[in-house]
Amino acid sequence: MSDLKEQKIIEAGKKTILAEADAVKKLVNFINYDFAKIVEIIAKSKVRVILTGIGKSANIAMKIVASLNSTGTPAIFMHAADAIHGDLGIVQNDDIVICLSKSGNTPEIKVLIPLIKNNGNTLIALVSDTDSFLAKSADFILSASVDSEACPNNLAPTSSTTAQLAMGDALTVALLEHRGFTSNDFAKFHPGGSLGKKLYLKVDDIILLNETPQVNKEADITQIITEITSKRLGATAVLDENKHVLGIITDGDLRRMLIKYGNNLADLNAEKIMTKDPKTVDYGELAVNALRIIRQNNITQVIITKDEEYIGMVHLHDLMREGIV
């Protein structure tokens, strides 16, 4: 009996996903010249985009606002119910208003729309019912029509809100591509997040806090171990007299040396132990590129150089601490 119940649960989940996927797929038919015109109008404007709605549509509107703001389109959320009780003052004369609604006929929408139109704002309807009051009042329509909700009673907003969200994402991406929004632009709006750090954080920002473990090629075992231990980066660079990198010695190299030579360590020096031609990253390079080299070569630290001169070392833990791993 339990297995039967679990199977019904699984089937309900799959049915919902498939229904919403089908609804989103059909939105392709609504990406038309109206859609292109809306993108051009928003991209050319020097004003804000105000998104409004009520109920679940309001929740979707807030997410679209976040997406627009993060990709360079100034946007503000205004709840439709609050708008008709004072918050309409948010809307300035030339702002573009996008109103989200499934039916397009809710009481709050019917009160709000004439006020927006009387103010002369461009009104865009992101709506399921293209014969609704909202759709007929709008200057442009973004159709998010769905055949039915994923809810078995065709009541709970499911497919319709997913369609609204997908259409909002389509608008956001079309706008950023139309404007030529780059990864550098993205970093400006995400300076504190891991995505932003991948686009602006450089290795020289990290090594400022690190020691610079180094020995010459004649250093003995005691000197090597002392340097690695005291600088706490799990390795030391081996340098020539001009501070050029000859090699690297890691904790792992020391362990392998002990296995190979046992107690016969007297004649060993850094030149005999080191790994030649270690992986290096140029000073000023993005930290994410240092991470890529570390991962590709299955190592835990990488040497930083500037004009072939040793500058320091970045450890995998440094990158993890910065949140870009």
Protein backbone atom coordinates (compact mmCIF):
# COMPACT_ATOMS: atom_id res chain seq x y z
CA MET A 1 0.00 0.00 0.00
CA SER A 2 2.86 2.33 0.87
CA ASP A 3 4.55 1.67 -2.48
CA LEU A 4 1.32 2.56 -4.29
CA LYS A 5 1.04 5.86 -2.43
CA GLU A 6 4.64 6.71 -3.16
CA GLN A 7 4.14 5.91 -6.84
CA LYS A 8 1.17 8.28 -6.98
CA ILE A 9 3.28 11.01 -5.39
CA ILE A 10 6.01 10.47 -7.95
CA GLU A 11 3.50 10.54 -10.80
CA ALA A 12 1.99 13.78 -9.51
CA GLY A 13 5.41 15.42 -9.39
CA LYS A 14 6.34 14.27 -12.89
CA LYS A 15 2.97 15.32 -14.27
CA THR A 16 3.43 18.81 -12.86
CA ILE A 17 6.91 19.20 -14.34
CA LEU A 18 5.78 17.99 -17.75
CA ALA A 19 2.71 20.24 -17.74
CA GLU A 20 4.76 23.32 -16.88
CA ALA A 21 7.48 22.41 -19.38
CA ASP A 22 4.82 22.14 -22.10
CA ALA A 23 3.40 25.53 -21.10
CA VAL A 24 6.81 27.17 -21.30
CA LYS A 25 7.61 25.54 -24.63
CA LYS A 26 4.46 27.02 -26.19
CA LEU A 27 5.59 30.53 -25.23
CA VAL A 28 7.95 30.43 -28.20
CA ASN A 29 4.93 31.21 -30.38
CA PHE A 30 4.43 34.51 -28.53
CA ILE A 31 7.96 35.83 -29.08
CA ASN A 32 7.03 38.13 -31.96
CA TYR A 33 7.43 41.68 -33.28
CA ASP A 34 5.54 43.06 -30.29
CA PHE A 35 8.15 41.41 -28.08
CA ALA A 36 10.95 42.94 -30.16
CA LYS A 37 9.31 46.38 -30.02
CA ILE A 38 9.00 46.17 -26.23
CA VAL A 39 12.71 45.33 -25.91
CA GLU A 40 13.65 48.28 -28.14
CA ILE A 41 11.44 50.73 -26.22
CA ILE A 42 12.82 49.69 -22.83
CA ALA A 43 16.41 49.65 -24.08
CA LYS A 44 16.15 53.17 -25.57
CA SER A 45 14.39 54.70 -22.57
CA LYS A 46 16.23 56.58 -19.83
CA VAL A 47 13.53 55.83 -17.26
CA ARG A 48 12.60 52.95 -14.97
CA VAL A 49 10.49 49.89 -15.55
CA ILE A 50 7.75 49.49 -12.93
CA LEU A 51 6.42 45.95 -12.50
CA THR A 52 3.12 45.43 -10.74
CA GLY A 53 0.64 42.66 -10.03
CA ILE A 54 -1.35 41.02 -7.29
CA GLY A 55 -1.29 37.58 -5.67
CA LYS A 56 1.12 35.06 -7.19
CA SER A 57 1.70 37.38 -10.15
CA ALA A 58 3.12 39.93 -7.71
CA ASN A 59 5.64 37.34 -6.49
CA ILE A 60 6.74 36.69 -10.06
CA ALA A 61 6.97 40.43 -10.73
CA MET A 62 9.40 40.82 -7.83
CA LYS A 63 11.67 38.16 -9.28
CA ILE A 64 11.64 39.80 -12.71
CA VAL A 65 12.52 43.13 -11.07
CA ALA A 66 15.56 41.48 -9.48
CA SER A 67 16.64 40.00 -12.82
CA LEU A 68 16.26 43.31 -14.67
CA ASN A 69 18.18 45.28 -12.04
CA SER A 70 21.03 42.75 -11.99
CA THR A 71 21.44 43.05 -15.76
CA GLY A 72 21.39 46.82 -16.06
CA THR A 73 17.70 47.69 -16.51
CA PRO A 74 16.49 49.88 -13.61
CA ALA A 75 13.29 48.31 -12.27
CA ILE A 76 10.97 48.75 -9.28
CA PHE A 77 8.20 46.57 -7.90
CA MET A 78 4.84 48.13 -6.98
CA HIS A 79 2.09 45.96 -5.52
CA ALA A 80 -1.17 46.58 -7.36
CA ALA A 81 -3.26 46.69 -4.17
CA ASP A 82 -0.87 49.13 -2.48
CA ALA A 83 -0.74 51.26 -5.62
CA ILE A 84 -4.41 52.21 -5.38
CA HIS A 85 -3.92 53.12 -1.72
CA GLY A 86 -1.07 55.57 -2.12
CA ASP A 87 1.92 53.77 -3.67
CA LEU A 88 1.01 54.95 -7.17
CA GLY A 89 3.30 57.87 -6.41
CA ILE A 90 6.18 55.52 -7.20
CA VAL A 91 5.36 55.85 -10.90
CA GLN A 92 6.99 58.87 -12.53
CA ASN A 93 5.76 60.53 -15.70
CA ASP A 94 7.79 58.62 -18.29
CA ASP A 95 8.17 55.26 -16.49
CA ILE A 96 7.24 52.11 -18.37
CA VAL A 97 4.77 49.93 -16.47
CA ILE A 98 4.54 46.15 -16.90
CA CYS A 99 1.45 44.67 -15.29
CA LEU A 100 1.35 40.93 -14.59
CA SER A 101 -1.95 39.11 -14.32
CA LYS A 102 -3.35 35.76 -15.35
CA SER A 103 -6.94 36.86 -15.89
CA GLY A 104 -6.30 40.54 -16.49
CA ASN A 105 -9.70 41.24 -14.90
CA THR A 106 -9.10 41.40 -11.13
CA PRO A 107 -10.72 44.37 -9.32
CA GLU A 108 -7.41 45.93 -8.32
CA ILE A 109 -6.15 45.77 -11.91
CA LYS A 110 -9.33 47.38 -13.21
CA VAL A 111 -8.90 50.30 -10.81
CA LEU A 112 -5.15 50.68 -11.37
CA ILE A 113 -4.95 50.54 -15.17
CA PRO A 114 -7.01 53.71 -15.94
CA LEU A 115 -4.86 55.64 -13.47
CA ILE A 116 -1.68 54.54 -15.24
CA LYS A 117 -3.14 55.31 -18.65
CA ASN A 118 -4.34 58.75 -17.54
CA ASN A 119 -0.81 59.53 -16.43
CA GLY A 120 0.45 58.81 -19.95
CA ASN A 121 2.76 55.92 -19.05
CA THR A 122 3.50 53.16 -21.55
CA LEU A 123 1.64 50.08 -20.34
CA ILE A 124 2.76 46.54 -21.12
CA ALA A 125 0.51 43.63 -20.17
CA LEU A 126 2.16 40.34 -19.26
CA VAL A 127 -1.08 38.39 -19.26
CA SER A 128 -2.58 34.98 -19.97
CA ASP A 129 -6.00 36.17 -21.19
CA THR A 130 -5.36 38.36 -24.22
CA ASP A 131 -9.05 39.31 -24.38
CA SER A 132 -9.03 40.71 -20.84
CA PHE A 133 -9.50 44.27 -19.63
CA LEU A 134 -5.74 44.54 -19.00
CA ALA A 135 -4.78 43.26 -22.45
CA LYS A 136 -7.22 45.56 -24.24
CA SER A 137 -5.98 48.57 -22.26
CA ALA A 138 -2.29 47.92 -22.80
CA ASP A 139 -0.04 49.50 -25.40
CA PHE A 140 1.79 46.20 -25.84
CA ILE A 141 1.10 42.61 -24.85
CA LEU A 142 3.51 39.94 -23.64
CA SER A 143 1.37 36.84 -23.89
CA ALA A 144 1.87 34.19 -21.23
CA SER A 145 -1.18 32.16 -22.20
CA VAL A 146 -1.45 28.59 -20.94
CA ASP A 147 -3.97 25.87 -21.80
CA SER A 148 -4.47 24.92 -18.15
CA GLU A 149 -2.79 24.91 -14.77
CA ALA A 150 -0.73 21.93 -13.64
CA CYS A 151 -3.06 21.79 -10.65
CA PRO A 152 -5.54 18.90 -11.20
CA ASN A 153 -8.41 21.27 -10.36
CA ASN A 154 -7.06 23.90 -12.79
CA LEU A 155 -7.12 26.41 -9.95
CA ALA A 156 -3.76 26.88 -8.20
CA PRO A 157 -1.42 29.17 -10.18
CA THR A 158 1.26 26.80 -11.44
CA SER A 159 1.73 26.68 -15.21
CA SER A 160 0.56 30.29 -15.51
CA THR A 161 3.10 31.69 -13.05
CA THR A 162 5.86 29.54 -14.55
CA ALA A 163 4.95 30.99 -17.95
CA GLN A 164 5.10 34.53 -16.54
CA LEU A 165 8.50 33.85 -15.05
CA ALA A 166 9.84 32.39 -18.30
CA MET A 167 8.55 35.33 -20.32
CA GLY A 168 10.18 37.69 -17.83
CA ASP A 169 13.47 35.85 -18.24
CA ALA A 170 13.12 36.04 -22.04
CA LEU A 171 12.62 39.80 -21.77
CA THR A 172 15.60 40.18 -19.43
CA VAL A 173 17.99 38.19 -21.63
CA ALA A 174 16.81 39.86 -24.84
CA LEU A 175 17.42 43.26 -23.22
CA LEU A 176 20.92 42.43 -22.03
CA GLU A 177 21.88 41.03 -25.43
CA HIS A 178 20.35 44.02 -27.23
CA ARG A 179 22.37 46.39 -25.04
CA GLY A 180 25.57 44.38 -25.37
CA PHE A 181 25.69 43.73 -21.63
CA THR A 182 29.06 42.10 -20.89
CA SER A 183 30.56 40.01 -18.10
CA ASN A 184 32.35 43.14 -16.87
CA ASP A 185 29.01 44.94 -16.65
CA PHE A 186 27.62 41.98 -14.72
CA ALA A 187 30.48 42.21 -12.21
CA LYS A 188 29.60 45.85 -11.49
CA PHE A 189 26.16 44.80 -10.28
CA HIS A 190 27.37 41.71 -8.34
CA PRO A 191 30.50 42.87 -6.50
CA GLY A 192 29.72 40.97 -3.31
CA GLY A 193 28.60 37.66 -4.73
CA SER A 194 30.62 34.68 -5.90
CA LEU A 195 29.62 35.33 -9.52
CA GLY A 196 30.92 38.87 -9.34
CA LYS A 197 34.15 37.82 -7.71
CA LYS A 198 34.83 35.44 -10.56
CA LEU A 199 34.66 38.42 -12.89
CA TYR A 200 36.77 40.95 -10.98
CA LEU A 201 38.86 39.36 -8.19
CA LYS A 202 42.52 39.07 -9.20
CA VAL A 203 45.33 36.99 -7.77
CA ASP A 204 47.19 40.11 -6.65
CA ASP A 205 44.20 40.95 -4.43
CA ILE A 206 44.73 37.61 -2.66
CA ILE A 207 48.51 37.35 -2.32
CA LEU A 208 48.65 40.63 -0.40
CA LEU A 209 47.58 38.63 2.67
CA ASN A 210 49.92 35.69 2.04
CA GLU A 211 53.53 35.01 2.95
CA THR A 212 56.02 34.40 0.12
CA PRO A 213 57.71 31.08 0.89
CA GLN A 214 61.02 30.77 -0.96
CA VAL A 215 64.37 29.00 -0.78
CA ASN A 216 67.40 28.86 -3.03
CA LYS A 217 68.38 25.70 -4.87
CA GLU A 218 71.10 24.85 -2.32
CA ALA A 219 68.74 24.90 0.69
CA ASP A 220 68.90 21.76 2.82
CA ILE A 221 66.03 19.70 4.22
CA THR A 222 65.87 21.61 7.47
CA GLN A 223 65.63 24.96 5.68
CA ILE A 224 62.96 23.65 3.32
CA ILE A 225 60.79 22.19 6.08
CA THR A 226 61.17 25.33 8.18
CA GLU A 227 60.15 27.57 5.28
CA ILE A 228 57.10 25.49 4.34
CA THR A 229 55.98 25.20 7.95
CA SER A 230 56.45 28.87 8.89
CA LYS A 231 54.76 30.30 5.77
CA ARG A 232 51.79 27.89 6.02
CA LEU A 233 50.96 27.58 2.32
CA GLY A 234 51.93 23.93 2.03
CA ALA A 235 54.80 24.63 -0.35
CA THR A 236 57.80 26.79 -1.12
CA ALA A 237 59.14 28.21 -4.36
CA VAL A 238 62.74 27.49 -5.34
CA LEU A 239 64.38 30.60 -6.80
CA ASP A 240 67.61 31.58 -8.50
CA GLU A 241 69.58 34.72 -7.62
CA ASN A 242 67.30 36.84 -9.85
CA LYS A 243 64.11 35.66 -8.09
CA HIS A 244 63.15 33.59 -11.13
CA VAL A 245 61.27 30.39 -10.34
CA LEU A 246 63.26 27.18 -10.76
CA GLY A 247 60.72 24.87 -9.14
CA ILE A 248 58.36 24.18 -6.29
CA ILE A 249 58.51 21.88 -3.28
CA THR A 250 55.25 20.85 -1.65
CA ASP A 251 54.31 18.89 1.44
CA GLY A 252 53.64 15.99 -0.89
CA ASP A 253 57.15 16.22 -2.36
CA LEU A 254 58.62 15.95 1.16
CA ARG A 255 56.56 12.86 1.97
CA ARG A 256 57.57 11.19 -1.29
CA MET A 257 61.21 12.10 -0.58
CA LEU A 258 61.09 10.43 2.83
CA ILE A 259 59.65 7.27 1.30
CA LYS A 260 62.30 7.23 -1.43
CA TYR A 261 65.41 8.12 0.60
CA GLY A 262 64.52 7.08 4.15
CA ASN A 263 67.17 8.42 6.52
CA ASN A 264 69.68 9.22 3.78
CA LEU A 265 68.85 12.92 3.63
CA ALA A 266 72.20 14.56 4.25
CA ASP A 267 73.11 15.12 0.61
CA LEU A 268 69.68 16.29 -0.52
CA ASN A 269 68.95 19.91 -1.35
CA ALA A 270 66.10 21.88 -2.87
CA GLU A 271 67.32 21.41 -6.45
CA LYS A 272 67.20 17.61 -6.09
CA ILE A 273 63.74 17.55 -4.50
CA MET A 274 61.84 20.24 -6.38
CA THR A 275 59.35 19.80 -9.18
CA LYS A 276 60.68 21.73 -12.16
CA ASP A 277 58.59 24.04 -14.34
CA PRO A 278 55.73 24.49 -11.85
CA LYS A 279 52.40 26.00 -12.88
CA THR A 280 52.41 29.79 -12.69
CA VAL A 281 49.88 32.57 -13.09
CA ASP A 282 50.71 36.14 -14.05
CA TYR A 283 50.27 38.92 -11.49
CA GLY A 284 47.03 40.74 -12.38
CA GLU A 285 45.31 37.60 -13.72
CA LEU A 286 41.79 36.78 -12.54
CA ALA A 287 41.65 34.51 -9.52
CA VAL A 288 39.16 32.24 -11.29
CA ASN A 289 41.87 31.46 -13.87
CA ALA A 290 44.20 30.41 -11.05
CA LEU A 291 41.43 28.12 -9.83
CA ARG A 292 41.07 26.63 -13.31
CA ILE A 293 44.81 25.81 -13.43
CA ILE A 294 44.70 24.28 -9.95
CA ARG A 295 41.77 22.06 -10.89
CA GLN A 296 43.13 21.04 -14.29
CA ASN A 297 46.46 19.97 -12.82
CA ASN A 298 45.14 18.48 -9.57
CA ILE A 299 47.37 20.71 -7.42
CA THR A 300 46.64 22.82 -4.34
CA GLN A 301 48.73 25.93 -4.95
CA VAL A 302 49.97 27.96 -7.88
CA ILE A 303 52.92 30.36 -8.13
CA ILE A 304 52.34 34.01 -9.04
CA THR A 305 54.91 35.86 -11.15
CA LYS A 306 55.33 39.36 -12.52
CA ASP A 307 57.67 39.85 -15.47
CA GLU A 308 59.00 36.35 -14.71
CA GLU A 309 59.88 37.38 -11.13
CA TYR A 310 58.42 35.49 -8.17
CA ILE A 311 55.72 37.49 -6.38
CA GLY A 312 53.95 34.96 -4.19
CA MET A 313 51.70 31.94 -4.03
CA VAL A 314 47.93 31.35 -4.04
CA HIS A 315 46.53 28.28 -2.30
CA LEU A 316 43.25 26.52 -3.07
CA HIS A 317 42.10 27.47 0.43
CA ASP A 318 42.52 31.16 -0.46
CA LEU A 319 40.11 30.73 -3.36
CA MET A 320 37.68 28.78 -1.20
CA ARG A 321 37.76 31.55 1.40
CA GLU A 322 36.85 34.09 -1.28
CA GLY A 323 33.88 31.95 -2.31
CA ILE A 324 34.78 31.39 -5.97
CA VAL A 325 35.27 27.61 -5.74
